[in-house]
Amino acid sequence: MEVTIEMIKQLKGRTGLGIMDCKKALVENGGDTEKAIEYLRKQGVLKAAKKSSRIANEGVIHSYIHTNNRMGVLVEVNCETDFVAKTSDFLKMAHQIAVHIAATETEPQYVNIEDIPAEVIEKEKEIYIEQMVLTKKPQAVIDKIVENKIKKYCENICLMNQEFFGSDNNMTVLDYIKENIAKFGENIIVSRFTIYKIGE
């Protein structure tokens, strides 16, 4: 299938990536837009992995007040240069992350799983073990169930592991950030966030 300029523009509009990247993705995937998006996503993840070790000490602190004016979010999003931090696309990304924190069904408590204190995980583990003892299942089965429950619990309360708010393709917040790392060509990190609620 011939790759037209309209096809390239459409893909650019959906991904925010450069014209040459979009053209190459369409050519590599026979003009199939969905396959091209998946191709770009995989390429972006590879590029992002190479950039993830680079220092990110610029960025913004973005504020978002939820629609009922009873909840607010402050989130610090870092990048490598002041130039990128000032772009409208970077500010839009920071805003989308703040909206996710405010609007997602399970309120995030930590940025990454590594941030969860060991005592928090241990306490949760004790609760699950007590629940499972009553089932009288074999210990090996109990251990596996508890392990899976702990994994799910950690993923639910950590921002990076949550399904990105409004995503229709199971994209996590980390996936969203990786796409933007590929887009901006810089490492991007969510350093911290704070949630404010009326009366709390």
C-alpha atoms as a PDB file:
ATOM      1  CA  MET A   1       0.000   0.000   0.000  1.00  0.00           C
ATOM      2  CA  GLU A   2       1.279   3.473  -0.913  1.00  0.00           C
ATOM      3  CA  VAL A   3       1.992   5.673   2.105  1.00  0.00           C
ATOM      4  CA  THR A   4       0.432   9.094   1.556  1.00  0.00           C
ATOM      5  CA  ILE A   5       1.128  12.405   3.292  1.00  0.00           C
ATOM      6  CA  GLU A   6      -2.380  12.271   4.776  1.00  0.00           C
ATOM      7  CA  MET A   7      -1.633   8.903   6.365  1.00  0.00           C
ATOM      8  CA  ILE A   8       1.594  10.318   7.801  1.00  0.00           C
ATOM      9  CA  LYS A   9      -0.203  13.401   9.163  1.00  0.00           C
ATOM     10  CA  GLN A  10      -2.878  11.217  10.752  1.00  0.00           C
ATOM     11  CA  LEU A  11      -0.272   9.046  12.468  1.00  0.00           C
ATOM     12  CA  LYS A  12       1.686  12.112  13.585  1.00  0.00           C
ATOM     13  CA  GLY A  13      -1.504  13.528  15.097  1.00  0.00           C
ATOM     14  CA  ARG A  14      -2.131  10.332  17.058  1.00  0.00           C
ATOM     15  CA  THR A  15       1.420   9.820  18.302  1.00  0.00           C
ATOM     16  CA  GLY A  16       2.975  13.295  18.411  1.00  0.00           C
ATOM     17  CA  LEU A  17       6.132  11.888  16.832  1.00  0.00           C
ATOM     18  CA  GLY A  18       8.125  13.289  13.895  1.00  0.00           C
ATOM     19  CA  ILE A  19       7.110  12.971  10.234  1.00  0.00           C
ATOM     20  CA  MET A  20      10.093  10.782   9.321  1.00  0.00           C
ATOM     21  CA  ASP A  21       9.448   8.394  12.226  1.00  0.00           C
ATOM     22  CA  CYS A  22       5.777   8.144  11.225  1.00  0.00           C
ATOM     23  CA  LYS A  23       6.602   7.586   7.567  1.00  0.00           C
ATOM     24  CA  LYS A  24       9.107   4.842   8.399  1.00  0.00           C
ATOM     25  CA  ALA A  25       6.602   3.120  10.707  1.00  0.00           C
ATOM     26  CA  LEU A  26       3.907   3.147   8.000  1.00  0.00           C
ATOM     27  CA  VAL A  27       6.306   1.865   5.336  1.00  0.00           C
ATOM     28  CA  GLU A  28       7.528  -0.914   7.660  1.00  0.00           C
ATOM     29  CA  ASN A  29       3.930  -1.956   8.355  1.00  0.00           C
ATOM     30  CA  GLY A  30       2.384  -1.765   4.886  1.00  0.00           C
ATOM     31  CA  GLY A  31       0.420   1.402   5.608  1.00  0.00           C
ATOM     32  CA  ASP A  32      -1.479  -0.154   8.523  1.00  0.00           C
ATOM     33  CA  THR A  33      -1.915   2.669  11.059  1.00  0.00           C
ATOM     34  CA  GLU A  34      -2.618   0.447  14.081  1.00  0.00           C
ATOM     35  CA  LYS A  35       0.408  -1.751  13.385  1.00  0.00           C
ATOM     36  CA  ALA A  36       2.491   1.388  12.848  1.00  0.00           C
ATOM     37  CA  ILE A  37       1.426   2.726  16.263  1.00  0.00           C
ATOM     38  CA  GLU A  38       2.407  -0.572  17.896  1.00  0.00           C
ATOM     39  CA  TYR A  39       5.729  -0.470  16.008  1.00  0.00           C
ATOM     40  CA  LEU A  40       6.399   3.090  17.209  1.00  0.00           C
ATOM     41  CA  ARG A  41       5.468   2.139  20.756  1.00  0.00           C
ATOM     42  CA  LYS A  42       7.974  -0.728  20.753  1.00  0.00           C
ATOM     43  CA  GLN A  43      10.646   1.532  19.281  1.00  0.00           C
ATOM     44  CA  GLY A  44       9.832   4.172  21.882  1.00  0.00           C
ATOM     45  CA  VAL A  45      10.213   1.705  24.719  1.00  0.00           C
ATOM     46  CA  LEU A  46      13.651   0.719  23.432  1.00  0.00           C
ATOM     47  CA  LYS A  47      14.718   4.362  23.146  1.00  0.00           C
ATOM     48  CA  ALA A  48      13.252   5.144  26.544  1.00  0.00           C
ATOM     49  CA  ALA A  49      15.195   2.323  28.177  1.00  0.00           C
ATOM     50  CA  LYS A  50      18.457   3.843  26.899  1.00  0.00           C
ATOM     51  CA  LYS A  51      17.550   7.280  28.280  1.00  0.00           C
ATOM     52  CA  SER A  52      16.183   6.167  31.667  1.00  0.00           C
ATOM     53  CA  SER A  53      19.590   6.331  33.367  1.00  0.00           C
ATOM     54  CA  ARG A  54      20.213   9.960  32.410  1.00  0.00           C
ATOM     55  CA  ILE A  55      19.897  12.688  35.042  1.00  0.00           C
ATOM     56  CA  ALA A  56      16.603  14.599  35.032  1.00  0.00           C
ATOM     57  CA  ASN A  57      16.864  17.670  37.271  1.00  0.00           C
ATOM     58  CA  GLU A  58      14.735  20.170  35.358  1.00  0.00           C
ATOM     59  CA  GLY A  59      10.942  20.073  35.052  1.00  0.00           C
ATOM     60  CA  VAL A  60       7.792  21.495  36.603  1.00  0.00           C
ATOM     61  CA  ILE A  61       5.586  21.278  39.654  1.00  0.00           C
ATOM     62  CA  HIS A  62       2.083  21.118  38.232  1.00  0.00           C
ATOM     63  CA  SER A  63      -1.119  21.767  40.166  1.00  0.00           C
ATOM     64  CA  TYR A  64      -4.568  20.452  39.346  1.00  0.00           C
ATOM     65  CA  ILE A  65      -7.851  21.138  41.135  1.00  0.00           C
ATOM     66  CA  HIS A  66     -10.467  18.439  40.590  1.00  0.00           C
ATOM     67  CA  THR A  67     -13.865  19.441  39.192  1.00  0.00           C
ATOM     68  CA  ASN A  68     -15.661  19.500  42.553  1.00  0.00           C
ATOM     69  CA  ASN A  69     -13.042  21.883  44.049  1.00  0.00           C
ATOM     70  CA  ARG A  70     -12.714  19.565  47.043  1.00  0.00           C
ATOM     71  CA  MET A  71      -9.534  17.848  45.898  1.00  0.00           C
ATOM     72  CA  GLY A  72      -6.215  19.061  44.516  1.00  0.00           C
ATOM     73  CA  VAL A  73      -2.985  17.494  43.289  1.00  0.00           C
ATOM     74  CA  LEU A  74       0.596  18.731  43.138  1.00  0.00           C
ATOM     75  CA  VAL A  75       2.964  16.622  41.052  1.00  0.00           C
ATOM     76  CA  GLU A  76       6.652  17.108  40.263  1.00  0.00           C
ATOM     77  CA  VAL A  77       7.622  15.899  36.787  1.00  0.00           C
ATOM     78  CA  ASN A  78      11.304  16.124  35.837  1.00  0.00           C
ATOM     79  CA  CYS A  79      13.148  16.145  32.525  1.00  0.00           C
ATOM     80  CA  GLU A  80      16.727  16.884  31.448  1.00  0.00           C
ATOM     81  CA  THR A  81      16.498  20.440  30.088  1.00  0.00           C
ATOM     82  CA  ASP A  82      14.686  23.669  30.885  1.00  0.00           C
ATOM     83  CA  PHE A  83      13.859  23.971  27.181  1.00  0.00           C
ATOM     84  CA  VAL A  84      11.702  20.818  27.200  1.00  0.00           C
ATOM     85  CA  ALA A  85      10.186  21.698  30.587  1.00  0.00           C
ATOM     86  CA  LYS A  86       8.770  24.915  29.128  1.00  0.00           C
ATOM     87  CA  THR A  87       7.104  23.349  26.088  1.00  0.00           C
ATOM     88  CA  SER A  88       3.320  23.119  25.919  1.00  0.00           C
ATOM     89  CA  ASP A  89       3.508  19.370  25.232  1.00  0.00           C
ATOM     90  CA  PHE A  90       5.521  18.760  28.415  1.00  0.00           C
ATOM     91  CA  LEU A  91       3.086  20.842  30.466  1.00  0.00           C
ATOM     92  CA  LYS A  92       0.203  18.925  28.894  1.00  0.00           C
ATOM     93  CA  MET A  93       1.851  15.633  29.909  1.00  0.00           C
ATOM     94  CA  ALA A  94       2.309  16.854  33.495  1.00  0.00           C
ATOM     95  CA  HIS A  95      -1.344  17.918  33.533  1.00  0.00           C
ATOM     96  CA  GLN A  96      -2.522  14.513  32.313  1.00  0.00           C
ATOM     97  CA  ILE A  97      -0.524  12.794  35.057  1.00  0.00           C
ATOM     98  CA  ALA A  98      -2.054  15.114  37.680  1.00  0.00           C
ATOM     99  CA  VAL A  99      -5.545  14.406  36.313  1.00  0.00           C
ATOM    100  CA  HIS A 100      -4.857  10.670  36.548  1.00  0.00           C
ATOM    101  CA  ILE A 101      -3.813  11.001  40.206  1.00  0.00           C
ATOM    102  CA  ALA A 102      -7.004  12.892  41.026  1.00  0.00           C
ATOM    103  CA  ALA A 103      -9.456  10.892  38.943  1.00  0.00           C
ATOM    104  CA  THR A 104      -8.261   7.282  38.972  1.00  0.00           C
ATOM    105  CA  GLU A 105     -10.427   4.784  40.863  1.00  0.00           C
ATOM    106  CA  THR A 106      -7.658   3.621  43.213  1.00  0.00           C
ATOM    107  CA  GLU A 107      -5.824   6.570  44.744  1.00  0.00           C
ATOM    108  CA  PRO A 108      -2.067   6.124  44.289  1.00  0.00           C
ATOM    109  CA  GLN A 109       0.033   6.235  47.441  1.00  0.00           C
ATOM    110  CA  TYR A 110       3.539   5.822  46.026  1.00  0.00           C
ATOM    111  CA  VAL A 111       5.295   6.589  42.736  1.00  0.00           C
ATOM    112  CA  ASN A 112       7.063   3.222  42.311  1.00  0.00           C
ATOM    113  CA  ILE A 113       6.803  -0.196  43.933  1.00  0.00           C
ATOM    114  CA  GLU A 114      10.345   0.295  45.271  1.00  0.00           C
ATOM    115  CA  ASP A 115       9.027   3.231  47.324  1.00  0.00           C
ATOM    116  CA  ILE A 116       6.668   1.070  49.420  1.00  0.00           C
ATOM    117  CA  PRO A 117       8.133   0.568  52.927  1.00  0.00           C
ATOM    118  CA  ALA A 118       8.858  -3.076  53.770  1.00  0.00           C
ATOM    119  CA  GLU A 119       6.668  -2.868  56.886  1.00  0.00           C
ATOM    120  CA  VAL A 120       3.643  -1.846  54.787  1.00  0.00           C
ATOM    121  CA  ILE A 121       4.042  -4.893  52.546  1.00  0.00           C
ATOM    122  CA  GLU A 122       4.654  -7.156  55.546  1.00  0.00           C
ATOM    123  CA  LYS A 123       1.511  -5.933  57.298  1.00  0.00           C
ATOM    124  CA  GLU A 124      -0.578  -6.522  54.187  1.00  0.00           C
ATOM    125  CA  LYS A 125       0.968  -9.972  53.805  1.00  0.00           C
ATOM    126  CA  GLU A 126      -0.021 -10.895  57.384  1.00  0.00           C
ATOM    127  CA  ILE A 127      -3.639  -9.938  56.660  1.00  0.00           C
ATOM    128  CA  TYR A 128      -3.747 -12.109  53.531  1.00  0.00           C
ATOM    129  CA  ILE A 129      -2.155 -15.069  55.342  1.00  0.00           C
ATOM    130  CA  GLU A 130      -4.751 -14.848  58.128  1.00  0.00           C
ATOM    131  CA  GLN A 131      -7.521 -14.789  55.535  1.00  0.00           C
ATOM    132  CA  MET A 132      -6.107 -17.841  53.749  1.00  0.00           C
ATOM    133  CA  VAL A 133      -5.531 -19.955  56.869  1.00  0.00           C
ATOM    134  CA  LEU A 134      -9.290 -20.336  57.269  1.00  0.00           C
ATOM    135  CA  THR A 135      -9.505 -21.928  53.799  1.00  0.00           C
ATOM    136  CA  LYS A 136      -7.341 -24.868  54.952  1.00  0.00           C
ATOM    137  CA  LYS A 137      -5.591 -24.982  51.570  1.00  0.00           C
ATOM    138  CA  PRO A 138      -2.103 -26.553  51.278  1.00  0.00           C
ATOM    139  CA  GLN A 139       0.689 -24.183  52.394  1.00  0.00           C
ATOM    140  CA  ALA A 140       2.234 -24.076  48.904  1.00  0.00           C
ATOM    141  CA  VAL A 141      -1.105 -22.951  47.456  1.00  0.00           C
ATOM    142  CA  ILE A 142      -1.546 -20.336  50.204  1.00  0.00           C
ATOM    143  CA  ASP A 143       1.958 -18.970  49.591  1.00  0.00           C
ATOM    144  CA  LYS A 144       1.260 -18.579  45.848  1.00  0.00           C
ATOM    145  CA  ILE A 145      -2.106 -16.892  46.400  1.00  0.00           C
ATOM    146  CA  VAL A 146      -0.611 -14.491  48.962  1.00  0.00           C
ATOM    147  CA  GLU A 147       2.271 -13.708  46.590  1.00  0.00           C
ATOM    148  CA  ASN A 148      -0.175 -12.841  43.779  1.00  0.00           C
ATOM    149  CA  LYS A 149      -2.325 -10.731  46.124  1.00  0.00           C
ATOM    150  CA  ILE A 150       0.702  -8.762  47.309  1.00  0.00           C
ATOM    151  CA  LYS A 151       1.808  -8.175  43.709  1.00  0.00           C
ATOM    152  CA  LYS A 152      -1.657  -6.891  42.790  1.00  0.00           C
ATOM    153  CA  TYR A 153      -1.832  -4.731  45.911  1.00  0.00           C
ATOM    154  CA  CYS A 154       1.526  -3.083  45.121  1.00  0.00           C
ATOM    155  CA  GLU A 155       0.551  -2.441  41.505  1.00  0.00           C
ATOM    156  CA  ASN A 156      -2.769  -0.896  42.557  1.00  0.00           C
ATOM    157  CA  ILE A 157      -1.278   1.675  44.934  1.00  0.00           C
ATOM    158  CA  CYS A 158       1.755   2.676  42.826  1.00  0.00           C
ATOM    159  CA  LEU A 159       1.312   5.434  40.262  1.00  0.00           C
ATOM    160  CA  MET A 160       3.641   3.963  37.631  1.00  0.00           C
ATOM    161  CA  ASN A 161       1.839   0.604  37.599  1.00  0.00           C
ATOM    162  CA  GLN A 162      -1.717   1.921  37.404  1.00  0.00           C
ATOM    163  CA  GLU A 163      -3.688   1.811  34.166  1.00  0.00           C
ATOM    164  CA  PHE A 164      -3.495   5.316  32.738  1.00  0.00           C
ATOM    165  CA  PHE A 165      -6.763   7.196  33.258  1.00  0.00           C
ATOM    166  CA  GLY A 166      -8.771   7.337  30.042  1.00  0.00           C
ATOM    167  CA  SER A 167      -6.622   4.733  28.290  1.00  0.00           C
ATOM    168  CA  ASP A 168      -8.514   2.191  26.205  1.00  0.00           C
ATOM    169  CA  ASN A 169      -5.570  -0.135  25.527  1.00  0.00           C
ATOM    170  CA  ASN A 170      -4.344  -1.083  29.042  1.00  0.00           C
ATOM    171  CA  MET A 171      -1.547   1.493  28.905  1.00  0.00           C
ATOM    172  CA  THR A 172       0.037   2.096  32.311  1.00  0.00           C
ATOM    173  CA  VAL A 173       1.259   5.474  33.553  1.00  0.00           C
ATOM    174  CA  LEU A 174       4.806   4.159  33.005  1.00  0.00           C
ATOM    175  CA  ASP A 175       3.933   3.298  29.378  1.00  0.00           C
ATOM    176  CA  TYR A 176       2.617   6.844  28.922  1.00  0.00           C
ATOM    177  CA  ILE A 177       5.839   8.306  30.315  1.00  0.00           C
ATOM    178  CA  LYS A 178       7.967   6.039  28.107  1.00  0.00           C
ATOM    179  CA  GLU A 179       6.073   7.254  25.038  1.00  0.00           C
ATOM    180  CA  ASN A 180       6.886  10.816  26.065  1.00  0.00           C
ATOM    181  CA  ILE A 181      10.549   9.945  26.693  1.00  0.00           C
ATOM    182  CA  ALA A 182      10.682   8.774  23.076  1.00  0.00           C
ATOM    183  CA  LYS A 183       8.814  11.890  21.932  1.00  0.00           C
ATOM    184  CA  PHE A 184      10.993  14.436  23.763  1.00  0.00           C
ATOM    185  CA  GLY A 185      14.277  12.530  23.509  1.00  0.00           C
ATOM    186  CA  GLU A 186      14.935  13.074  27.215  1.00  0.00           C
ATOM    187  CA  ASN A 187      14.588  11.075  30.389  1.00  0.00           C
ATOM    188  CA  ILE A 188      11.361  11.901  32.260  1.00  0.00           C
ATOM    189  CA  ILE A 189      10.666  11.092  35.912  1.00  0.00           C
ATOM    190  CA  VAL A 190       7.731  11.635  38.224  1.00  0.00           C
ATOM    191  CA  SER A 191       9.557  12.450  41.457  1.00  0.00           C
ATOM    192  CA  ARG A 192       6.665  12.935  43.885  1.00  0.00           C
ATOM    193  CA  PHE A 193       3.067  13.963  44.272  1.00  0.00           C
ATOM    194  CA  THR A 194       0.750  15.187  47.004  1.00  0.00           C
ATOM    195  CA  ILE A 195      -3.039  14.866  47.189  1.00  0.00           C
ATOM    196  CA  TYR A 196      -5.055  17.442  49.114  1.00  0.00           C
ATOM    197  CA  LYS A 197      -8.655  16.852  50.192  1.00  0.00           C
ATOM    198  CA  ILE A 198     -11.078  19.083  52.040  1.00  0.00           C
ATOM    199  CA  GLY A 199     -11.071  18.186  55.740  1.00  0.00           C
ATOM    200  CA  GLU A 200      -8.084  15.826  55.546  1.00  0.00           C
END
